[in-house]
Amino acid sequence: MLNNIEKNNPFKVPENYFLNFNEEIMNKLPEKKVQKKIVPLWRFVGKWVAAAAVVTGIAILGTNYMDNHSPDINKFSIESTMSPDDNLISLENDYYQFIEDDATQLVYRDAVYNLE
């Protein structure tokens, strides 16, 4: 039965059909809409804001530390202009203040721990 069928191809392709085939198909397709990538502002700027906050925090803490721990320049200038007798009196007052502070600490320690 299959032997009786002719083996010729019954289909025919028109001339120059595949010559512009790609261009014709592409022209028939709808155009793609180009979507722009939307990046939230916070993701772009967030790293810079965090870095600025760190630098600002360090600057504020550094300024506060320097204000509290830097030597008083006016104090040194006054002591340098003092006479030797005034300087001795100042040292003596500092010593008495140290002794008084130490005695106060001992009294508080005795009061807290009830040592007699």
PDB file of N, CA and C in Angstrom:
ATOM      1  N   MET A   1       0.811  -1.180   0.000  1.00  0.00           N
ATOM      2  CA  MET A   1       0.000   0.000   0.000  1.00  0.00           C
ATOM      3  C   MET A   1       0.867   1.261   0.000  1.00  0.00           C
ATOM      4  N   LEU A   2       1.877   1.352   0.865  1.00  0.00           N
ATOM      5  CA  LEU A   2       2.770   2.501   0.864  1.00  0.00           C
ATOM      6  C   LEU A   2       3.649   2.512  -0.381  1.00  0.00           C
ATOM      7  N   ASN A   3       3.846   1.362  -0.940  1.00  0.00           N
ATOM      8  CA  ASN A   3       4.690   1.309  -2.131  1.00  0.00           C
ATOM      9  C   ASN A   3       4.012   1.964  -3.333  1.00  0.00           C
ATOM     10  N   ASN A   4       2.735   2.040  -3.299  1.00  0.00           N
ATOM     11  CA  ASN A   4       2.002   2.612  -4.424  1.00  0.00           C
ATOM     12  C   ASN A   4       1.974   4.142  -4.410  1.00  0.00           C
ATOM     13  N   ILE A   5       2.345   4.766  -3.295  1.00  0.00           N
ATOM     14  CA  ILE A   5       2.307   6.236  -3.169  1.00  0.00           C
ATOM     15  C   ILE A   5       3.559   6.808  -3.822  1.00  0.00           C
ATOM     16  N   GLU A   6       3.341   7.895  -4.522  1.00  0.00           N
ATOM     17  CA  GLU A   6       4.475   8.556  -5.149  1.00  0.00           C
ATOM     18  C   GLU A   6       5.354   9.215  -4.090  1.00  0.00           C
ATOM     19  N   LYS A   7       6.645   9.225  -4.298  1.00  0.00           N
ATOM     20  CA  LYS A   7       7.567   9.762  -3.318  1.00  0.00           C
ATOM     21  C   LYS A   7       7.979  11.190  -3.638  1.00  0.00           C
ATOM     22  N   ASN A   8       7.257  11.877  -4.387  1.00  0.00           N
ATOM     23  CA  ASN A   8       7.540  13.275  -4.698  1.00  0.00           C
ATOM     24  C   ASN A   8       6.958  14.166  -3.598  1.00  0.00           C
ATOM     25  N   ASN A   9       7.626  15.266  -3.360  1.00  0.00           N
ATOM     26  CA  ASN A   9       7.171  16.226  -2.356  1.00  0.00           C
ATOM     27  C   ASN A   9       6.020  17.024  -2.940  1.00  0.00           C
ATOM     28  N   PRO A  10       4.844  16.986  -2.310  1.00  0.00           N
ATOM     29  CA  PRO A  10       3.698  17.698  -2.865  1.00  0.00           C
ATOM     30  C   PRO A  10       3.720  19.202  -2.569  1.00  0.00           C
ATOM     31  N   PHE A  11       4.599  19.657  -1.669  1.00  0.00           N
ATOM     32  CA  PHE A  11       4.626  21.066  -1.255  1.00  0.00           C
ATOM     33  C   PHE A  11       5.699  21.803  -2.023  1.00  0.00           C
ATOM     34  N   LYS A  12       5.397  23.029  -2.322  1.00  0.00           N
ATOM     35  CA  LYS A  12       6.358  23.860  -3.032  1.00  0.00           C
ATOM     36  C   LYS A  12       6.500  25.187  -2.292  1.00  0.00           C
ATOM     37  N   VAL A  13       7.723  25.684  -2.259  1.00  0.00           N
ATOM     38  CA  VAL A  13       8.035  26.951  -1.606  1.00  0.00           C
ATOM     39  C   VAL A  13       8.124  28.002  -2.688  1.00  0.00           C
ATOM     40  N   PRO A  14       7.475  29.175  -2.466  1.00  0.00           N
ATOM     41  CA  PRO A  14       7.562  30.235  -3.484  1.00  0.00           C
ATOM     42  C   PRO A  14       9.003  30.711  -3.640  1.00  0.00           C
ATOM     43  N   GLU A  15       9.287  31.247  -4.767  1.00  0.00           N
ATOM     44  CA  GLU A  15      10.640  31.733  -5.022  1.00  0.00           C
ATOM     45  C   GLU A  15      10.956  32.915  -4.110  1.00  0.00           C
ATOM     46  N   ASN A  16      12.220  32.991  -3.634  1.00  0.00           N
ATOM     47  CA  ASN A  16      12.728  34.052  -2.758  1.00  0.00           C
ATOM     48  C   ASN A  16      11.925  34.190  -1.457  1.00  0.00           C
ATOM     49  N   TYR A  17      11.330  33.108  -1.026  1.00  0.00           N
ATOM     50  CA  TYR A  17      10.530  33.152   0.208  1.00  0.00           C
ATOM     51  C   TYR A  17      11.421  33.370   1.438  1.00  0.00           C
ATOM     52  N   PHE A  18      12.532  32.677   1.487  1.00  0.00           N
ATOM     53  CA  PHE A  18      13.411  32.778   2.656  1.00  0.00           C
ATOM     54  C   PHE A  18      14.433  33.910   2.531  1.00  0.00           C
ATOM     55  N   LEU A  19      14.386  34.628   1.456  1.00  0.00           N
ATOM     56  CA  LEU A  19      15.351  35.702   1.244  1.00  0.00           C
ATOM     57  C   LEU A  19      15.166  36.822   2.277  1.00  0.00           C
ATOM     58  N   ASN A  20      13.967  37.250   2.547  1.00  0.00           N
ATOM     59  CA  ASN A  20      13.680  38.305   3.525  1.00  0.00           C
ATOM     60  C   ASN A  20      12.785  37.781   4.648  1.00  0.00           C
ATOM     61  N   PHE A  21      12.910  36.529   4.927  1.00  0.00           N
ATOM     62  CA  PHE A  21      12.024  35.886   5.891  1.00  0.00           C
ATOM     63  C   PHE A  21      12.158  36.510   7.292  1.00  0.00           C
ATOM     64  N   ASN A  22      13.387  36.697   7.776  1.00  0.00           N
ATOM     65  CA  ASN A  22      13.608  37.255   9.123  1.00  0.00           C
ATOM     66  C   ASN A  22      13.058  38.673   9.250  1.00  0.00           C
ATOM     67  N   GLU A  23      13.288  39.483   8.259  1.00  0.00           N
ATOM     68  CA  GLU A  23      12.820  40.865   8.317  1.00  0.00           C
ATOM     69  C   GLU A  23      11.295  40.929   8.339  1.00  0.00           C
ATOM     70  N   GLU A  24      10.653  40.097   7.554  1.00  0.00           N
ATOM     71  CA  GLU A  24       9.183  40.097   7.501  1.00  0.00           C
ATOM     72  C   GLU A  24       8.577  39.650   8.826  1.00  0.00           C
ATOM     73  N   ILE A  25       9.157  38.620   9.422  1.00  0.00           N
ATOM     74  CA  ILE A  25       8.655  38.135  10.721  1.00  0.00           C
ATOM     75  C   ILE A  25       8.845  39.207  11.786  1.00  0.00           C
ATOM     76  N   MET A  26      10.000  39.853  11.824  1.00  0.00           N
ATOM     77  CA  MET A  26      10.283  40.887  12.825  1.00  0.00           C
ATOM     78  C   MET A  26       9.348  42.088  12.659  1.00  0.00           C
ATOM     79  N   ASN A  27       8.991  42.405  11.423  1.00  0.00           N
ATOM     80  CA  ASN A  27       8.070  43.523  11.187  1.00  0.00           C
ATOM     81  C   ASN A  27       6.665  43.197  11.659  1.00  0.00           C
ATOM     82  N   LYS A  28       6.310  41.942  11.640  1.00  0.00           N
ATOM     83  CA  LYS A  28       4.964  41.547  12.062  1.00  0.00           C
ATOM     84  C   LYS A  28       4.826  41.463  13.587  1.00  0.00           C
ATOM     85  N   LEU A  29       5.938  41.340  14.292  1.00  0.00           N
ATOM     86  CA  LEU A  29       5.896  41.255  15.761  1.00  0.00           C
ATOM     87  C   LEU A  29       5.621  42.633  16.360  1.00  0.00           C
ATOM     88  N   PRO A  30       4.909  42.678  17.505  1.00  0.00           N
ATOM     89  CA  PRO A  30       4.699  43.984  18.152  1.00  0.00           C
ATOM     90  C   PRO A  30       6.004  44.472  18.787  1.00  0.00           C
ATOM     91  N   GLU A  31       6.132  45.767  18.875  1.00  0.00           N
ATOM     92  CA  GLU A  31       7.359  46.347  19.455  1.00  0.00           C
ATOM     93  C   GLU A  31       7.370  46.159  20.968  1.00  0.00           C
ATOM     94  N   LYS A  32       8.550  45.924  21.484  1.00  0.00           N
ATOM     95  CA  LYS A  32       8.705  45.774  22.940  1.00  0.00           C
ATOM     96  C   LYS A  32       8.751  47.151  23.581  1.00  0.00           C
ATOM     97  N   LYS A  33       8.099  47.260  24.709  1.00  0.00           N
ATOM     98  CA  LYS A  33       8.164  48.501  25.476  1.00  0.00           C
ATOM     99  C   LYS A  33       9.394  48.438  26.363  1.00  0.00           C
ATOM    100  N   VAL A  34      10.189  49.442  26.283  1.00  0.00           N
ATOM    101  CA  VAL A  34      11.399  49.497  27.092  1.00  0.00           C
ATOM    102  C   VAL A  34      11.030  50.049  28.460  1.00  0.00           C
ATOM    103  N   GLN A  35      11.251  49.252  29.484  1.00  0.00           N
ATOM    104  CA  GLN A  35      10.947  49.691  30.851  1.00  0.00           C
ATOM    105  C   GLN A  35      12.228  50.165  31.508  1.00  0.00           C
ATOM    106  N   LYS A  36      12.146  51.318  32.088  1.00  0.00           N
ATOM    107  CA  LYS A  36      13.301  51.837  32.808  1.00  0.00           C
ATOM    108  C   LYS A  36      13.348  51.207  34.188  1.00  0.00           C
ATOM    109  N   LYS A  37      14.555  50.943  34.626  1.00  0.00           N
ATOM    110  CA  LYS A  37      14.740  50.366  35.954  1.00  0.00           C
ATOM    111  C   LYS A  37      14.550  51.470  36.988  1.00  0.00           C
ATOM    112  N   ILE A  38      13.649  51.232  37.921  1.00  0.00           N
ATOM    113  CA  ILE A  38      13.357  52.213  38.962  1.00  0.00           C
ATOM    114  C   ILE A  38      14.091  51.791  40.227  1.00  0.00           C
ATOM    115  N   VAL A  39      14.997  52.636  40.675  1.00  0.00           N
ATOM    116  CA  VAL A  39      15.751  52.380  41.895  1.00  0.00           C
ATOM    117  C   VAL A  39      15.258  53.353  42.951  1.00  0.00           C
ATOM    118  N   PRO A  40      14.785  52.851  44.087  1.00  0.00           N
ATOM    119  CA  PRO A  40      14.332  53.765  45.137  1.00  0.00           C
ATOM    120  C   PRO A  40      15.474  54.683  45.594  1.00  0.00           C
ATOM    121  N   LEU A  41      15.134  55.904  45.880  1.00  0.00           N
ATOM    122  CA  LEU A  41      16.128  56.896  46.268  1.00  0.00           C
ATOM    123  C   LEU A  41      16.879  56.473  47.523  1.00  0.00           C
ATOM    124  N   TRP A  42      16.184  55.868  48.477  1.00  0.00           N
ATOM    125  CA  TRP A  42      16.821  55.508  49.739  1.00  0.00           C
ATOM    126  C   TRP A  42      17.923  54.475  49.530  1.00  0.00           C
ATOM    127  N   ARG A  43      17.749  53.547  48.595  1.00  0.00           N
ATOM    128  CA  ARG A  43      18.793  52.547  48.352  1.00  0.00           C
ATOM    129  C   ARG A  43      20.041  53.186  47.759  1.00  0.00           C
ATOM    130  N   PHE A  44      19.851  54.186  46.946  1.00  0.00           N
ATOM    131  CA  PHE A  44      20.996  54.848  46.327  1.00  0.00           C
ATOM    132  C   PHE A  44      21.716  55.764  47.313  1.00  0.00           C
ATOM    133  N   VAL A  45      20.953  56.508  48.082  1.00  0.00           N
ATOM    134  CA  VAL A  45      21.516  57.520  48.972  1.00  0.00           C
ATOM    135  C   VAL A  45      21.786  56.960  50.370  1.00  0.00           C
ATOM    136  N   GLY A  46      21.187  55.830  50.696  1.00  0.00           N
ATOM    137  CA  GLY A  46      21.265  55.295  52.054  1.00  0.00           C
ATOM    138  C   GLY A  46      22.679  55.073  52.553  1.00  0.00           C
ATOM    139  N   LYS A  47      23.552  54.553  51.708  1.00  0.00           N
ATOM    140  CA  LYS A  47      24.937  54.302  52.131  1.00  0.00           C
ATOM    141  C   LYS A  47      25.658  55.601  52.444  1.00  0.00           C
ATOM    142  N   TRP A  48      25.415  56.618  51.631  1.00  0.00           N
ATOM    143  CA  TRP A  48      26.073  57.899  51.863  1.00  0.00           C
ATOM    144  C   TRP A  48      25.535  58.588  53.123  1.00  0.00           C
ATOM    145  N   VAL A  49      24.257  58.440  53.372  1.00  0.00           N
ATOM    146  CA  VAL A  49      23.665  59.018  54.588  1.00  0.00           C
ATOM    147  C   VAL A  49      24.245  58.326  55.822  1.00  0.00           C
ATOM    148  N   ALA A  50      24.383  56.998  55.764  1.00  0.00           N
ATOM    149  CA  ALA A  50      24.956  56.266  56.893  1.00  0.00           C
ATOM    150  C   ALA A  50      26.406  56.680  57.130  1.00  0.00           C
ATOM    151  N   ALA A  51      27.174  56.819  56.074  1.00  0.00           N
ATOM    152  CA  ALA A  51      28.571  57.240  56.214  1.00  0.00           C
ATOM    153  C   ALA A  51      28.666  58.649  56.799  1.00  0.00           C
ATOM    154  N   ALA A  52      27.804  59.539  56.337  1.00  0.00           N
ATOM    155  CA  ALA A  52      27.800  60.909  56.870  1.00  0.00           C
ATOM    156  C   ALA A  52      27.409  60.915  58.343  1.00  0.00           C
ATOM    157  N   ALA A  53      26.466  60.055  58.728  1.00  0.00           N
ATOM    158  CA  ALA A  53      26.056  59.987  60.133  1.00  0.00           C
ATOM    159  C   ALA A  53      27.205  59.485  61.007  1.00  0.00           C
ATOM    160  N   VAL A  54      27.950  58.520  60.522  1.00  0.00           N
ATOM    161  CA  VAL A  54      29.095  58.004  61.292  1.00  0.00           C
ATOM    162  C   VAL A  54      30.149  59.086  61.459  1.00  0.00           C
ATOM    163  N   VAL A  55      30.477  59.786  60.378  1.00  0.00           N
ATOM    164  CA  VAL A  55      31.490  60.847  60.455  1.00  0.00           C
ATOM    165  C   VAL A  55      31.022  61.962  61.385  1.00  0.00           C
ATOM    166  N   THR A  56      29.761  62.330  61.317  1.00  0.00           N
ATOM    167  CA  THR A  56      29.229  63.376  62.194  1.00  0.00           C
ATOM    168  C   THR A  56      29.277  62.933  63.651  1.00  0.00           C
ATOM    169  N   GLY A  57      28.909  61.686  63.913  1.00  0.00           N
ATOM    170  CA  GLY A  57      28.958  61.170  65.288  1.00  0.00           C
ATOM    171  C   GLY A  57      30.368  61.179  65.844  1.00  0.00           C
ATOM    172  N   ILE A  58      31.331  60.747  65.031  1.00  0.00           N
ATOM    173  CA  ILE A  58      32.722  60.747  65.489  1.00  0.00           C
ATOM    174  C   ILE A  58      33.202  62.171  65.744  1.00  0.00           C
ATOM    175  N   ALA A  59      32.805  63.095  64.879  1.00  0.00           N
ATOM    176  CA  ALA A  59      33.224  64.484  65.070  1.00  0.00           C
ATOM    177  C   ALA A  59      32.635  65.067  66.352  1.00  0.00           C
ATOM    178  N   ILE A  60      31.370  64.787  66.623  1.00  0.00           N
ATOM    179  CA  ILE A  60      30.731  65.310  67.840  1.00  0.00           C
ATOM    180  C   ILE A  60      31.358  64.691  69.079  1.00  0.00           C
ATOM    181  N   LEU A  61      31.559  63.369  69.061  1.00  0.00           N
ATOM    182  CA  LEU A  61      32.172  62.721  70.224  1.00  0.00           C
ATOM    183  C   LEU A  61      33.607  63.188  70.425  1.00  0.00           C
ATOM    184  N   GLY A  62      34.341  63.356  69.330  1.00  0.00           N
ATOM    185  CA  GLY A  62      35.722  63.835  69.440  1.00  0.00           C
ATOM    186  C   GLY A  62      35.793  65.241  69.997  1.00  0.00           C
ATOM    187  N   THR A  63      34.910  66.107  69.549  1.00  0.00           N
ATOM    188  CA  THR A  63      34.881  67.482  70.059  1.00  0.00           C
ATOM    189  C   THR A  63      34.530  67.499  71.539  1.00  0.00           C
ATOM    190  N   ASN A  64      33.539  66.693  71.920  1.00  0.00           N
ATOM    191  CA  ASN A  64      33.149  66.612  73.324  1.00  0.00           C
ATOM    192  C   ASN A  64      34.304  66.068  74.172  1.00  0.00           C
ATOM    193  N   TYR A  65      34.992  65.056  73.669  1.00  0.00           N
ATOM    194  CA  TYR A  65      36.121  64.478  74.416  1.00  0.00           C
ATOM    195  C   TYR A  65      37.230  65.515  74.573  1.00  0.00           C
ATOM    196  N   MET A  66      37.536  66.229  73.497  1.00  0.00           N
ATOM    197  CA  MET A  66      38.615  67.211  73.564  1.00  0.00           C
ATOM    198  C   MET A  66      38.262  68.367  74.502  1.00  0.00           C
ATOM    199  N   ASP A  67      36.985  68.759  74.531  1.00  0.00           N
ATOM    200  CA  ASP A  67      36.583  69.826  75.437  1.00  0.00           C
ATOM    201  C   ASP A  67      36.722  69.407  76.897  1.00  0.00           C
ATOM    202  N   ASN A  68      36.431  68.146  77.195  1.00  0.00           N
ATOM    203  CA  ASN A  68      36.466  67.677  78.578  1.00  0.00           C
ATOM    204  C   ASN A  68      37.844  67.211  79.028  1.00  0.00           C
ATOM    205  N   HIS A  69      38.717  66.844  78.115  1.00  0.00           N
ATOM    206  CA  HIS A  69      39.994  66.260  78.507  1.00  0.00           C
ATOM    207  C   HIS A  69      41.211  67.066  78.083  1.00  0.00           C
ATOM    208  N   SER A  70      41.029  68.183  77.463  1.00  0.00           N
ATOM    209  CA  SER A  70      42.183  68.994  77.083  1.00  0.00           C
ATOM    210  C   SER A  70      42.572  69.886  78.262  1.00  0.00           C
ATOM    211  N   PRO A  71      43.849  70.149  78.412  1.00  0.00           N
ATOM    212  CA  PRO A  71      44.279  71.008  79.525  1.00  0.00           C
ATOM    213  C   PRO A  71      43.806  72.444  79.307  1.00  0.00           C
ATOM    214  N   ASP A  72      43.554  73.110  80.415  1.00  0.00           N
ATOM    215  CA  ASP A  72      43.091  74.492  80.356  1.00  0.00           C
ATOM    216  C   ASP A  72      44.295  75.396  80.119  1.00  0.00           C
ATOM    217  N   ILE A  73      44.356  76.009  78.976  1.00  0.00           N
ATOM    218  CA  ILE A  73      45.498  76.850  78.610  1.00  0.00           C
ATOM    219  C   ILE A  73      45.574  78.075  79.511  1.00  0.00           C
ATOM    220  N   ASN A  74      44.433  78.628  79.877  1.00  0.00           N
ATOM    221  CA  ASN A  74      44.434  79.819  80.736  1.00  0.00           C
ATOM    222  C   ASN A  74      45.025  79.509  82.097  1.00  0.00           C
ATOM    223  N   LYS A  75      44.783  78.297  82.584  1.00  0.00           N
ATOM    224  CA  LYS A  75      45.325  77.913  83.893  1.00  0.00           C
ATOM    225  C   LYS A  75      46.840  77.899  83.848  1.00  0.00           C
ATOM    226  N   PHE A  76      47.418  77.378  82.767  1.00  0.00           N
ATOM    227  CA  PHE A  76      48.865  77.313  82.659  1.00  0.00           C
ATOM    228  C   PHE A  76      49.469  78.707  82.485  1.00  0.00           C
ATOM    229  N   SER A  77      48.804  79.543  81.783  1.00  0.00           N
ATOM    230  CA  SER A  77      49.359  80.876  81.577  1.00  0.00           C
ATOM    231  C   SER A  77      49.340  81.677  82.874  1.00  0.00           C
ATOM    232  N   ILE A  78      48.314  81.483  83.710  1.00  0.00           N
ATOM    233  CA  ILE A  78      48.257  82.184  84.993  1.00  0.00           C
ATOM    234  C   ILE A  78      49.342  81.655  85.916  1.00  0.00           C
ATOM    235  N   GLU A  79      49.531  80.330  85.948  1.00  0.00           N
ATOM    236  CA  GLU A  79      50.548  79.763  86.833  1.00  0.00           C
ATOM    237  C   GLU A  79      51.947  80.166  86.409  1.00  0.00           C
ATOM    238  N   SER A  80      52.156  80.322  85.114  1.00  0.00           N
ATOM    239  CA  SER A  80      53.496  80.690  84.657  1.00  0.00           C
ATOM    240  C   SER A  80      53.833  82.133  85.014  1.00  0.00           C
ATOM    241  N   THR A  81      52.822  82.983  85.182  1.00  0.00           N
ATOM    242  CA  THR A  81      53.079  84.378  85.545  1.00  0.00           C
ATOM    243  C   THR A  81      53.108  84.581  87.047  1.00  0.00           C
ATOM    244  N   MET A  82      52.806  83.522  87.809  1.00  0.00           N
ATOM    245  CA  MET A  82      52.788  83.656  89.277  1.00  0.00           C
ATOM    246  C   MET A  82      54.213  83.668  89.812  1.00  0.00           C
ATOM    247  N   SER A  83      54.377  84.322  90.918  1.00  0.00           N
ATOM    248  CA  SER A  83      55.692  84.345  91.562  1.00  0.00           C
ATOM    249  C   SER A  83      55.936  82.993  92.225  1.00  0.00           C
ATOM    250  N   PRO A  84      57.139  82.658  92.560  1.00  0.00           N
ATOM    251  CA  PRO A  84      57.432  81.374  93.218  1.00  0.00           C
ATOM    252  C   PRO A  84      56.652  81.183  94.518  1.00  0.00           C
ATOM    253  N   ASP A  85      56.435  82.274  95.288  1.00  0.00           N
ATOM    254  CA  ASP A  85      55.680  82.150  96.532  1.00  0.00           C
ATOM    255  C   ASP A  85      54.217  81.798  96.251  1.00  0.00           C
ATOM    256  N   ASP A  86      53.645  82.437  95.234  1.00  0.00           N
ATOM    257  CA  ASP A  86      52.261  82.132  94.861  1.00  0.00           C
ATOM    258  C   ASP A  86      52.138  80.694  94.352  1.00  0.00           C
ATOM    259  N   ASN A  87      53.166  80.268  93.644  1.00  0.00           N
ATOM    260  CA  ASN A  87      53.158  78.900  93.128  1.00  0.00           C
ATOM    261  C   ASN A  87      53.221  77.898  94.283  1.00  0.00           C
ATOM    262  N   LEU A  88      53.994  78.197  95.296  1.00  0.00           N
ATOM    263  CA  LEU A  88      54.095  77.328  96.469  1.00  0.00           C
ATOM    264  C   LEU A  88      52.766  77.278  97.208  1.00  0.00           C
ATOM    265  N   ILE A  89      52.107  78.411  97.324  1.00  0.00           N
ATOM    266  CA  ILE A  89      50.797  78.451  97.986  1.00  0.00           C
ATOM    267  C   ILE A  89      49.781  77.636  97.191  1.00  0.00           C
ATOM    268  N   SER A  90      49.849  77.742  95.865  1.00  0.00           N
ATOM    269  CA  SER A  90      48.929  76.973  95.014  1.00  0.00           C
ATOM    270  C   SER A  90      49.167  75.469  95.183  1.00  0.00           C
ATOM    271  N   LEU A  91      50.430  75.065  95.231  1.00  0.00           N
ATOM    272  CA  LEU A  91      50.739  73.646  95.430  1.00  0.00           C
ATOM    273  C   LEU A  91      50.272  73.168  96.809  1.00  0.00           C
ATOM    274  N   GLU A  92      50.449  74.037  97.794  1.00  0.00           N
ATOM    275  CA  GLU A  92      50.011  73.684  99.153  1.00  0.00           C
ATOM    276  C   GLU A  92      48.490  73.528  99.192  1.00  0.00           C
ATOM    277  N   ASN A  93      47.771  74.420  98.533  1.00  0.00           N
ATOM    278  CA  ASN A  93      46.306  74.315  98.486  1.00  0.00           C
ATOM    279  C   ASN A  93      45.869  73.045  97.748  1.00  0.00           C
ATOM    280  N   ASP A  94      46.576  72.711  96.690  1.00  0.00           N
ATOM    281  CA  ASP A  94      46.266  71.473  95.966  1.00  0.00           C
ATOM    282  C   ASP A  94      46.487  70.255  96.875  1.00  0.00           C
ATOM    283  N   TYR A  95      47.568  70.273  97.656  1.00  0.00           N
ATOM    284  CA  TYR A  95      47.854  69.157  98.562  1.00  0.00           C
ATOM    285  C   TYR A  95      46.759  69.039  99.627  1.00  0.00           C
ATOM    286  N   TYR A  96      46.365  70.169 100.211  1.00  0.00           N
ATOM    287  CA  TYR A  96      45.305  70.125 101.231  1.00  0.00           C
ATOM    288  C   TYR A  96      43.982  69.651 100.633  1.00  0.00           C
ATOM    289  N   GLN A  97      43.706  70.049  99.400  1.00  0.00           N
ATOM    290  CA  GLN A  97      42.486  69.581  98.736  1.00  0.00           C
ATOM    291  C   GLN A  97      42.547  68.070  98.521  1.00  0.00           C
ATOM    292  N   PHE A  98      43.718  67.552  98.148  1.00  0.00           N
ATOM    293  CA  PHE A  98      43.880  66.116  97.953  1.00  0.00           C
ATOM    294  C   PHE A  98      43.664  65.375  99.274  1.00  0.00           C
ATOM    295  N   ILE A  99      44.240  65.863 100.353  1.00  0.00           N
ATOM    296  CA  ILE A  99      44.090  65.231 101.669  1.00  0.00           C
ATOM    297  C   ILE A  99      42.619  65.267 102.094  1.00  0.00           C
ATOM    298  N   GLU A 100      41.966  66.403 101.868  1.00  0.00           N
ATOM    299  CA  GLU A 100      40.557  66.517 102.246  1.00  0.00           C
ATOM    300  C   GLU A 100      39.682  65.546 101.439  1.00  0.00           C
ATOM    301  N   ASP A 101      39.946  65.447 100.150  1.00  0.00           N
ATOM    302  CA  ASP A 101      39.186  64.500  99.311  1.00  0.00           C
ATOM    303  C   ASP A 101      39.427  63.070  99.754  1.00  0.00           C
ATOM    304  N   ASP A 102      40.666  62.733 100.084  1.00  0.00           N
ATOM    305  CA  ASP A 102      40.989  61.373 100.532  1.00  0.00           C
ATOM    306  C   ASP A 102      40.295  61.076 101.860  1.00  0.00           C
ATOM    307  N   ALA A 103      40.295  62.037 102.780  1.00  0.00           N
ATOM    308  CA  ALA A 103      39.631  61.828 104.072  1.00  0.00           C
ATOM    309  C   ALA A 103      38.119  61.674 103.873  1.00  0.00           C
ATOM    310  N   THR A 104      37.546  62.448 102.981  1.00  0.00           N
ATOM    311  CA  THR A 104      36.113  62.337 102.702  1.00  0.00           C
ATOM    312  C   THR A 104      35.783  60.961 102.153  1.00  0.00           C
ATOM    313  N   GLN A 105      36.603  60.452 101.259  1.00  0.00           N
ATOM    314  CA  GLN A 105      36.378  59.114 100.704  1.00  0.00           C
ATOM    315  C   GLN A 105      36.456  58.049 101.797  1.00  0.00           C
ATOM    316  N   LEU A 106      37.397  58.198 102.720  1.00  0.00           N
ATOM    317  CA  LEU A 106      37.513  57.231 103.824  1.00  0.00           C
ATOM    318  C   LEU A 106      36.290  57.275 104.727  1.00  0.00           C
ATOM    319  N   VAL A 107      35.776  58.474 105.003  1.00  0.00           N
ATOM    320  CA  VAL A 107      34.581  58.604 105.847  1.00  0.00           C
ATOM    321  C   VAL A 107      33.389  57.952 105.161  1.00  0.00           C
ATOM    322  N   TYR A 108      33.219  58.199 103.880  1.00  0.00           N
ATOM    323  CA  TYR A 108      32.115  57.570 103.132  1.00  0.00           C
ATOM    324  C   TYR A 108      32.261  56.050 103.109  1.00  0.00           C
ATOM    325  N   ARG A 109      33.478  55.570 102.897  1.00  0.00           N
ATOM    326  CA  ARG A 109      33.698  54.132 102.866  1.00  0.00           C
ATOM    327  C   ARG A 109      33.360  53.512 104.227  1.00  0.00           C
ATOM    328  N   ASP A 110      33.757  54.168 105.291  1.00  0.00           N
ATOM    329  CA  ASP A 110      33.435  53.654 106.629  1.00  0.00           C
ATOM    330  C   ASP A 110      31.929  53.673 106.862  1.00  0.00           C
ATOM    331  N   ALA A 111      31.247  54.734 106.401  1.00  0.00           N
ATOM    332  CA  ALA A 111      29.799  54.828 106.592  1.00  0.00           C
ATOM    333  C   ALA A 111      29.077  53.750 105.787  1.00  0.00           C
ATOM    334  N   VAL A 112      29.549  53.450 104.603  1.00  0.00           N
ATOM    335  CA  VAL A 112      28.884  52.457 103.759  1.00  0.00           C
ATOM    336  C   VAL A 112      29.103  51.061 104.288  1.00  0.00           C
ATOM    337  N   TYR A 113      30.326  50.753 104.667  1.00  0.00           N
ATOM    338  CA  TYR A 113      30.645  49.392 105.096  1.00  0.00           C
ATOM    339  C   TYR A 113      30.589  49.200 106.617  1.00  0.00           C
ATOM    340  N   ASN A 114      30.220  50.268 107.348  1.00  0.00           N
ATOM    341  CA  ASN A 114      30.123  50.228 108.817  1.00  0.00           C
ATOM    342  C   ASN A 114      31.400  49.726 109.471  1.00  0.00           C
ATOM    343  N   LEU A 115      32.519  50.204 108.976  1.00  0.00           N
ATOM    344  CA  LEU A 115      33.811  49.844 109.559  1.00  0.00           C
ATOM    345  C   LEU A 115      34.139  50.831 110.684  1.00  0.00           C
ATOM    346  N   GLU A 116      34.609  50.312 111.788  1.00  0.00           N
ATOM    347  CA  GLU A 116      34.965  51.220 112.892  1.00  0.00           C
ATOM    348  C   GLU A 116      36.311  50.856 113.444  1.00  0.00           C
TER     349      GLU A 116
END
